[in-house]
Structures are given as C-alpha cells and as structure tokens.
Protein backbone atom coordinates (compact mmCIF):
# COMPACT_ATOMS: atom_id res chain seq x y z
CA MET A 1 -203.46 64.87 -82.25
CA LEU A 2 -205.08 67.38 -84.57
CA ARG A 3 -203.11 68.29 -87.66
CA ARG A 4 -204.03 71.78 -88.78
CA LEU A 5 -203.01 73.60 -91.89
CA ARG A 6 -201.05 76.77 -91.13
CA ILE A 7 -201.77 79.47 -93.71
CA PRO A 8 -198.86 81.92 -94.15
CA ALA A 9 -199.69 85.57 -94.75
CA ALA A 10 -198.66 85.32 -98.40
CA ALA A 11 -200.76 83.52 -101.00
CA LEU A 12 -200.64 79.73 -100.89
CA VAL A 13 -201.57 76.82 -103.05
CA LEU A 14 -202.74 73.65 -101.30
CA VAL A 15 -201.37 70.54 -102.91
CA ALA A 16 -202.17 67.17 -101.37
CA GLY A 17 -203.20 63.60 -101.60
CA ALA A 18 -203.54 60.63 -103.90
CA ALA A 19 -206.40 58.27 -104.76
CA LEU A 20 -205.44 54.62 -105.00
CA THR A 21 -207.28 52.28 -107.29
CA ALA A 22 -204.57 49.79 -108.36
CA PHE A 23 -201.07 49.80 -109.65
CA THR A 24 -198.88 47.63 -111.83
CA ALA A 25 -195.38 46.71 -110.71
CA THR A 26 -192.82 45.65 -113.31
CA GLY A 27 -189.25 44.47 -113.17
CA ALA A 28 -186.99 46.02 -115.77
CA ALA A 29 -187.23 42.98 -117.97
CA ALA A 30 -190.44 41.39 -116.64
CA ALA A 31 -194.02 41.55 -117.90
CA ALA A 32 -196.46 43.75 -115.93
CA GLN A 33 -198.16 42.01 -113.00
CA PRO A 34 -200.93 43.48 -110.78
CA ALA A 35 -199.86 44.21 -107.23
CA ALA A 36 -201.64 45.31 -104.07
CA ALA A 37 -201.33 48.86 -102.75
CA HIS A 38 -199.12 49.72 -99.77
CA PRO A 39 -200.09 52.81 -97.76
CA ALA A 40 -196.90 54.78 -97.24
CA THR A 41 -197.34 54.79 -93.49
CA ALA A 42 -196.45 51.08 -93.56
CA HIS A 43 -192.86 52.12 -94.32
CA SER A 44 -192.58 54.35 -91.30
CA ALA A 45 -191.00 53.51 -87.95
CA VAL A 46 -193.07 56.40 -86.54
CA THR A 47 -196.33 55.50 -84.82
CA HIS A 48 -199.30 56.57 -86.87
CA THR A 49 -203.00 56.45 -86.04
CA SER A 50 -205.98 56.05 -88.36
CA ALA A 51 -208.18 58.63 -86.70
CA ALA A 52 -208.80 61.76 -88.70
CA ARG A 53 -210.05 65.31 -88.14
CA THR A 54 -211.79 67.58 -90.63
CA ILE A 55 -210.41 71.03 -91.25
CA THR A 56 -211.34 73.86 -93.58
CA VAL A 57 -208.55 75.54 -95.48
CA THR A 58 -208.54 78.69 -97.58
CA LEU A 59 -206.71 78.32 -100.88
CA ARG A 60 -205.35 81.18 -102.96
CA THR A 61 -203.47 80.64 -106.19
CA ALA A 62 -200.77 82.85 -107.60
CA LYS A 63 -203.42 84.45 -109.77
CA GLY A 64 -205.43 85.49 -106.73
CA THR A 65 -208.35 83.03 -106.95
CA ARG A 66 -209.68 82.13 -103.50
CA THR A 67 -211.61 79.01 -102.58
CA GLU A 68 -212.39 77.13 -99.39
CA ARG A 69 -212.10 73.38 -99.17
CA THR A 70 -212.78 70.88 -96.38
CA VAL A 71 -210.23 68.11 -96.06
CA SER A 72 -209.88 65.15 -93.78
CA VAL A 73 -206.46 64.84 -92.16
CA PRO A 74 -205.26 61.93 -90.00
CA THR A 75 -204.04 62.72 -86.52
CA SER A 76 -200.50 61.74 -87.56
CA VAL A 77 -199.04 62.42 -91.00
CA ARG A 78 -195.84 62.29 -93.00
CA SER A 79 -194.73 62.77 -96.56
CA GLY A 80 -195.55 59.62 -98.48
CA GLY A 81 -198.57 59.27 -96.18
CA THR A 82 -201.44 61.71 -96.05
CA ALA A 83 -199.80 65.10 -96.20
CA LEU A 84 -200.64 68.67 -97.08
CA HIS A 85 -198.32 70.33 -99.52
CA LEU A 86 -198.13 74.15 -99.44
CA ILE A 87 -196.44 76.70 -101.58
CA LYS A 88 -196.15 80.48 -101.66
CA PRO A 89 -195.75 81.22 -105.38
CA ASP A 90 -195.94 84.98 -105.13
CA THR A 91 -192.93 85.92 -103.01
CA LYS A 92 -190.26 87.24 -105.34
CA LEU A 93 -186.59 87.13 -104.43
CA GLY A 94 -185.20 88.86 -107.50
CA ALA A 95 -183.95 88.14 -111.00
CA HIS A 96 -181.95 85.04 -111.88
CA SER A 97 -180.14 84.35 -115.12
CA GLY A 98 -182.44 82.43 -117.42
CA MET A 99 -185.39 82.65 -115.00
CA ARG A 100 -188.34 85.07 -115.00
CA HIS A 101 -187.73 85.42 -111.27
CA GLU A 102 -187.04 83.49 -108.12
CA THR A 103 -189.77 82.50 -105.70
CA SER A 104 -189.67 81.57 -102.02
CA SER A 105 -191.71 78.81 -100.48
CA GLU A 106 -191.97 77.52 -96.92
CA ASN A 107 -191.65 73.92 -98.10
CA TRP A 108 -190.80 73.69 -101.85
CA SER A 109 -187.58 74.23 -103.72
CA GLY A 110 -186.61 73.44 -107.28
CA TYR A 111 -188.11 74.50 -110.64
CA ALA A 112 -191.69 75.00 -111.84
CA ALA A 113 -192.97 75.79 -115.34
CA ASP A 114 -196.27 77.65 -115.12
CA SER A 115 -196.74 79.73 -118.29
CA GLY A 116 -198.63 77.21 -120.40
CA THR A 117 -200.48 73.89 -120.45
CA TYR A 118 -198.40 70.77 -119.75
CA THR A 119 -198.98 67.05 -120.27
CA SER A 120 -195.82 65.36 -118.98
CA VAL A 121 -192.94 65.91 -116.59
CA SER A 122 -189.98 63.68 -115.78
CA ALA A 123 -186.60 63.77 -114.04
CA SER A 124 -183.89 61.56 -112.59
CA TRP A 125 -182.02 61.93 -109.32
CA VAL A 126 -179.63 60.06 -107.09
CA GLN A 127 -181.43 59.10 -103.87
CA PRO A 128 -179.84 61.29 -101.16
CA THR A 129 -178.41 59.86 -97.99
CA GLY A 130 -180.09 61.08 -94.82
CA THR A 131 -178.06 62.34 -91.88
CA CYS A 132 -180.10 61.79 -88.76
CA GLY A 133 -179.28 62.71 -85.17
CA GLY A 134 -180.97 62.03 -81.85
CA ASN A 135 -184.48 60.65 -81.89
CA SER A 136 -186.01 63.28 -84.11
CA ASP A 137 -188.48 62.72 -86.96
CA GLU A 138 -187.59 64.70 -90.08
CA TYR A 139 -188.69 64.49 -93.71
CA SER A 140 -187.49 65.34 -97.18
CA SER A 141 -189.28 64.50 -100.43
CA PHE A 142 -188.07 64.52 -104.04
CA TRP A 143 -190.66 64.45 -106.80
CA VAL A 144 -191.99 65.46 -110.21
CA GLY A 145 -195.56 66.64 -110.71
CA LEU A 146 -198.18 68.31 -112.84
CA ASP A 147 -200.38 71.09 -111.37
CA GLY A 148 -200.07 72.39 -107.81
CA TYR A 149 -198.12 75.56 -108.49
CA THR A 150 -201.08 77.72 -109.61
CA SER A 151 -203.93 75.25 -109.03
CA SER A 152 -205.38 73.26 -106.14
CA SER A 153 -204.79 69.77 -107.54
CA VAL A 154 -201.53 67.90 -107.98
CA GLU A 155 -200.44 64.70 -109.69
CA GLN A 156 -197.04 63.67 -108.40
CA THR A 157 -194.62 60.79 -107.78
CA GLY A 158 -191.24 60.59 -106.07
CA THR A 159 -189.19 59.32 -103.16
CA ASP A 160 -188.39 60.26 -99.59
CA THR A 161 -185.29 60.44 -97.43
CA ASP A 162 -186.69 60.65 -93.89
CA CYS A 163 -185.45 60.36 -90.35
CA ASP A 164 -187.65 58.06 -88.26
CA GLY A 165 -186.65 58.34 -84.64
CA GLY A 166 -183.13 59.27 -85.70
CA SER A 167 -182.76 56.48 -88.23
CA PRO A 168 -182.87 57.12 -92.02
CA SER A 169 -185.62 55.54 -94.14
CA TYR A 170 -186.21 55.57 -97.90
CA TYR A 171 -189.24 54.77 -100.04
CA GLY A 172 -191.12 55.71 -103.23
CA TRP A 173 -194.69 57.03 -103.46
CA TYR A 174 -197.33 58.74 -105.59
CA GLU A 175 -200.16 61.14 -104.83
CA THR A 176 -203.33 62.51 -106.48
CA TYR A 177 -205.25 65.21 -104.58
CA PRO A 178 -207.44 65.00 -102.49
CA ASN A 179 -206.67 61.47 -101.25
CA PRO A 180 -203.67 60.15 -99.34
CA SER A 181 -200.42 59.22 -100.95
CA TYR A 182 -199.29 55.60 -101.28
CA SER A 183 -196.00 53.84 -101.21
CA PHE A 184 -195.04 51.67 -104.16
CA GLY A 185 -193.48 49.26 -101.64
CA ASP A 186 -190.25 48.48 -103.53
CA THR A 187 -186.81 48.85 -102.01
CA VAL A 188 -185.12 52.25 -102.32
CA ASN A 189 -181.56 52.70 -101.04
CA PRO A 190 -179.37 55.80 -100.76
CA GLY A 191 -177.27 56.21 -103.87
CA ASP A 192 -179.85 54.56 -106.14
CA THR A 193 -180.63 56.30 -109.43
CA ILE A 194 -184.33 57.14 -109.55
CA THR A 195 -186.41 58.18 -112.56
CA ALA A 196 -189.94 59.55 -112.14
CA THR A 197 -192.58 60.48 -114.74
CA VAL A 198 -196.13 61.85 -114.63
CA THR A 199 -198.07 61.87 -117.88
CA SER A 200 -201.54 63.14 -118.73
CA GLN A 201 -203.46 60.61 -120.81
CA GLY A 202 -206.33 63.03 -121.44
CA ASN A 203 -209.82 63.34 -119.92
CA GLY A 204 -208.40 63.73 -116.42
CA ASN A 205 -206.46 60.45 -116.50
CA PHE A 206 -202.80 60.22 -115.52
CA GLU A 207 -200.01 57.65 -115.45
CA TYR A 208 -197.37 57.75 -112.74
CA THR A 209 -194.14 55.80 -113.20
CA LEU A 210 -191.29 55.45 -110.73
CA ALA A 211 -188.16 53.44 -111.56
CA ASP A 212 -185.10 52.53 -109.56
CA GLN A 213 -182.43 51.84 -112.15
CA THR A 214 -179.99 50.55 -109.52
CA GLN A 215 -182.44 48.05 -107.94
CA ASN A 216 -183.80 47.20 -111.44
CA TRP A 217 -187.47 47.80 -110.76
CA SER A 218 -190.16 50.02 -112.30
CA VAL A 219 -193.73 50.57 -111.03
CA SER A 220 -196.69 52.36 -112.62
CA THR A 221 -200.23 53.33 -111.68
CA GLN A 222 -203.09 54.98 -113.55
CA GLN A 223 -205.13 57.53 -111.58
CA SER A 224 -207.91 60.03 -112.30
CA GLU A 225 -208.14 63.73 -111.47
CA PRO A 226 -211.07 65.14 -113.49
CA GLY A 227 -210.49 68.71 -112.32
CA ALA A 228 -206.80 68.87 -113.25
CA GLN A 229 -205.89 72.09 -115.05
CA LEU A 230 -202.45 71.02 -116.35
CA SER A 231 -201.35 74.53 -115.51
CA SER A 232 -197.83 73.73 -114.17
CA ALA A 233 -195.08 71.16 -114.26
CA GLU A 234 -192.42 70.97 -111.55
CA VAL A 235 -189.41 69.10 -110.20
CA ILE A 236 -189.31 69.63 -106.44
CA VAL A 237 -187.54 69.07 -103.13
CA GLU A 238 -190.09 69.35 -100.33
CA ALA A 239 -190.57 69.49 -96.56
CA PRO A 240 -194.20 68.27 -96.17
CA CYS A 241 -196.90 69.31 -93.69
CA CYS A 242 -198.01 69.04 -90.83
CA THR A 243 -196.65 69.23 -87.30
CA ASP A 244 -198.91 69.02 -84.23
CA SER A 245 -199.43 72.79 -84.45
CA GLY A 246 -200.16 72.65 -88.18
CA GLY A 247 -196.75 73.79 -89.40
CA ILE A 248 -194.28 72.43 -91.91
CA LEU A 249 -192.51 69.26 -90.84
CA PRO A 250 -188.72 69.51 -90.15
CA LEU A 251 -186.66 69.15 -93.31
CA ALA A 252 -184.34 66.13 -93.04
CA ASP A 253 -180.70 66.68 -93.80
CA PHE A 254 -180.42 65.13 -97.29
CA GLY A 255 -176.99 66.54 -98.10
CA THR A 256 -177.11 67.32 -101.80
CA ALA A 257 -179.75 66.02 -104.20
CA ASN A 258 -178.55 65.91 -107.82
CA PHE A 259 -181.25 66.07 -110.53
CA SER A 260 -180.73 65.35 -114.21
CA ASN A 261 -182.87 65.18 -117.35
CA SER A 262 -185.56 67.46 -115.91
CA GLN A 263 -188.00 67.49 -118.81
CA VAL A 264 -191.39 69.05 -119.51
CA ASP A 265 -193.35 67.76 -122.51
CA GLY A 266 -190.20 66.04 -123.79
CA SER A 267 -187.97 69.13 -123.71
CA PRO A 268 -185.56 70.45 -121.03
CA ILE A 269 -187.44 72.30 -118.30
CA GLY A 270 -185.32 75.37 -118.98
CA ASP A 271 -186.99 75.73 -122.37
CA SER A 272 -190.27 76.40 -120.52
CA ASN A 273 -188.85 79.52 -118.81
CA PRO A 274 -189.47 78.12 -115.32
CA GLU A 275 -189.41 79.83 -111.96
CA GLN A 276 -186.67 78.86 -109.53
CA ILE A 277 -188.00 78.12 -106.05
CA ILE A 278 -185.98 78.59 -102.84
CA MET A 279 -187.12 76.99 -99.57
CA VAL A 280 -187.20 79.32 -96.55
CA ASP A 281 -188.55 78.89 -93.02
CA GLY A 282 -191.23 81.07 -91.42
CA ASN A 283 -188.62 83.65 -90.53
CA GLY A 284 -187.29 83.87 -94.06
CA ASN A 285 -184.11 81.90 -93.35
CA GLN A 286 -182.93 79.84 -96.34
CA GLN A 287 -183.19 76.08 -95.80
CA ASP A 288 -181.51 74.83 -98.94
CA SER A 289 -179.66 76.19 -101.93
CA VAL A 290 -180.77 75.52 -105.51
CA SER A 291 -178.26 75.69 -108.32
CA ALA A 292 -178.81 77.26 -111.71
CA LEU A 293 -179.81 74.90 -114.53
CA SER A 294 -177.02 73.38 -116.60
CA ASP A 295 -177.89 72.28 -120.14
CA ASN A 296 -181.36 73.64 -119.27
CA GLU A 297 -182.26 70.43 -117.36
CA ASN A 298 -179.68 69.53 -114.69
CA TRP A 299 -179.50 71.07 -111.22
CA SER A 300 -178.88 70.33 -107.54
CA ALA A 301 -180.29 71.25 -104.16
CA THR A 302 -178.15 71.31 -101.03
CA TRP A 303 -179.59 71.17 -97.50
CA MET A 304 -178.77 74.11 -95.25
CA SER A 305 -181.04 73.89 -92.21
CA SER A 306 -184.17 72.33 -90.86
CA ASN A 307 -187.30 74.43 -90.36
C-alpha cells in the first residue's frame, strides 16, 4: 500500500529517517563491543513489507523557505521503522508563562529550542505503559533530537510505546534523515527509566546514546548528517506518519509520560526560551496536554485522545 505524505495547509517541516553504519552496545559496567544493527520493524508484530514507493514532498520551514524533496517510503511504516515526521511550527496558540508562545502540531508535543545554534540535547523519562484495546495498531514515540523544528534534517533517538494488534510493545531506536530508523534491539519495559542524548561532534558527525537505567544497558552509535544546521533542540512526544491515506498514525494511549533533566547544551531547556508544542488532530482537537516546565527542565505529557 502506498504511504503518502499529507501536507497540512499550514507550514510544515519534514523530519525523517536514519542512516545505519554501525553501533556500539555497552552494558553499564562493560567495555564497548560492536553489535549488528536491528531494523526497528523486527520488533513489530505488525506485518511489514519491503517494497517502497517514491513520493515528492514540499517542505516549508517556520522561516518560510520552500524546497521539494523526493523520498522513498516503504508500503508499510511505523515509528522506529521508516517514518515521516511532520510538524507545523507556525500555528500559535497564545502566550504561556516562561515561553515565547505555544505552537500546535499534528504529531509533535513537548518543548523545542530554536533561537540559536545547538550541539547537544538530552533528557530522561519513565517508559510509559501502553493501554491497548481491540486489534488496533497505534503508536507513540518519546525522543530527544537536534534539528527538525526549523530545518529539514533531524538527528534523534528515543523509545516507543506502541499497540501492535491490540498488544503493547516497547523498544528503543535512533534516526538520521533521510534514511530509515533502526532499533537498538535491547529490552525496554514499561516503567523503565530511560536517558537519551544526541551530541554534535562537529563536521556533520553525531553521537546518539540511549540508556535504560533499570535494565542496566547503554547503546551508542555514530552517524553523519553533513547538511545539519543545528538550528533547534527538542524533547518530544510524537505520533508518527503515515497511514494508508498518508495521514498521521493513531496516537497510542501512553497515559502520562514524565520527563526530567531536559537539557540543551548542558543547561536546562527552559534557559533556551523554548516553544511549548501541543499536539492536535486535523480538526484542531487537543490530543495530549503538556505541563509547564518545573525547575526549567522537568515536565509531563498526558494522553487525551487518538488522532
């Protein structure tokens, strides 16, 4: 089935993909050892095919720059597999204490710093428990990233709480546009404490690190994105793309996701005067609530409805 990108009327930023070369898996007290890559689709109970279609998408950043890009999208996708990540950074919802303004997005919520150049972002969260009903497939992603808010690249790593045929599934992944995301392959359970970091190493090189403090593992990979602008840093809850008709995938009921130590360049994200992002569906109905920052770095998102 063709997966097509649905472009909302408001300005969008396309954020997608990850290029895999190799990654290093480490236990908390063990020396680094090379490990093979695991495509994220291997973690899914949903049937996926390898066939792909080519589509052309129009990208427009918050600053109004327009470009066209041709991307190859598999006929079945999910977050943590090949996915398209969209955002509408220009829809203002009004003033918020400590924020320049609030922003609505059809599939992002959380906080994004976008008024400078950034080289690192990190945060911790407790892996949410998925509530799944029937035989539906639903998806919710939790991640940190550089770029993507006002640019067409993204460097990101995080975890998912998904519903595969009505059963919850959990896994960790990383992405670098324009290639597919990959699963780190290590066990993630609900209630685990997760820490994620993306760091620019200069010259378009990045390190992604994901750690499960409860399961006592940490994994890292080095990837390259020569065109990265380092124009934003974000900590995000996401409903990825795409449905059969090219829309946003249904947001899985994740309950409440609690984030802590949200840091940009080693300082609380609140010090960067970030924008608060609220997720809404195509009709403008709110899909989750995002709390204000406490201590400039701690916040929570609570699921309200699927899209």
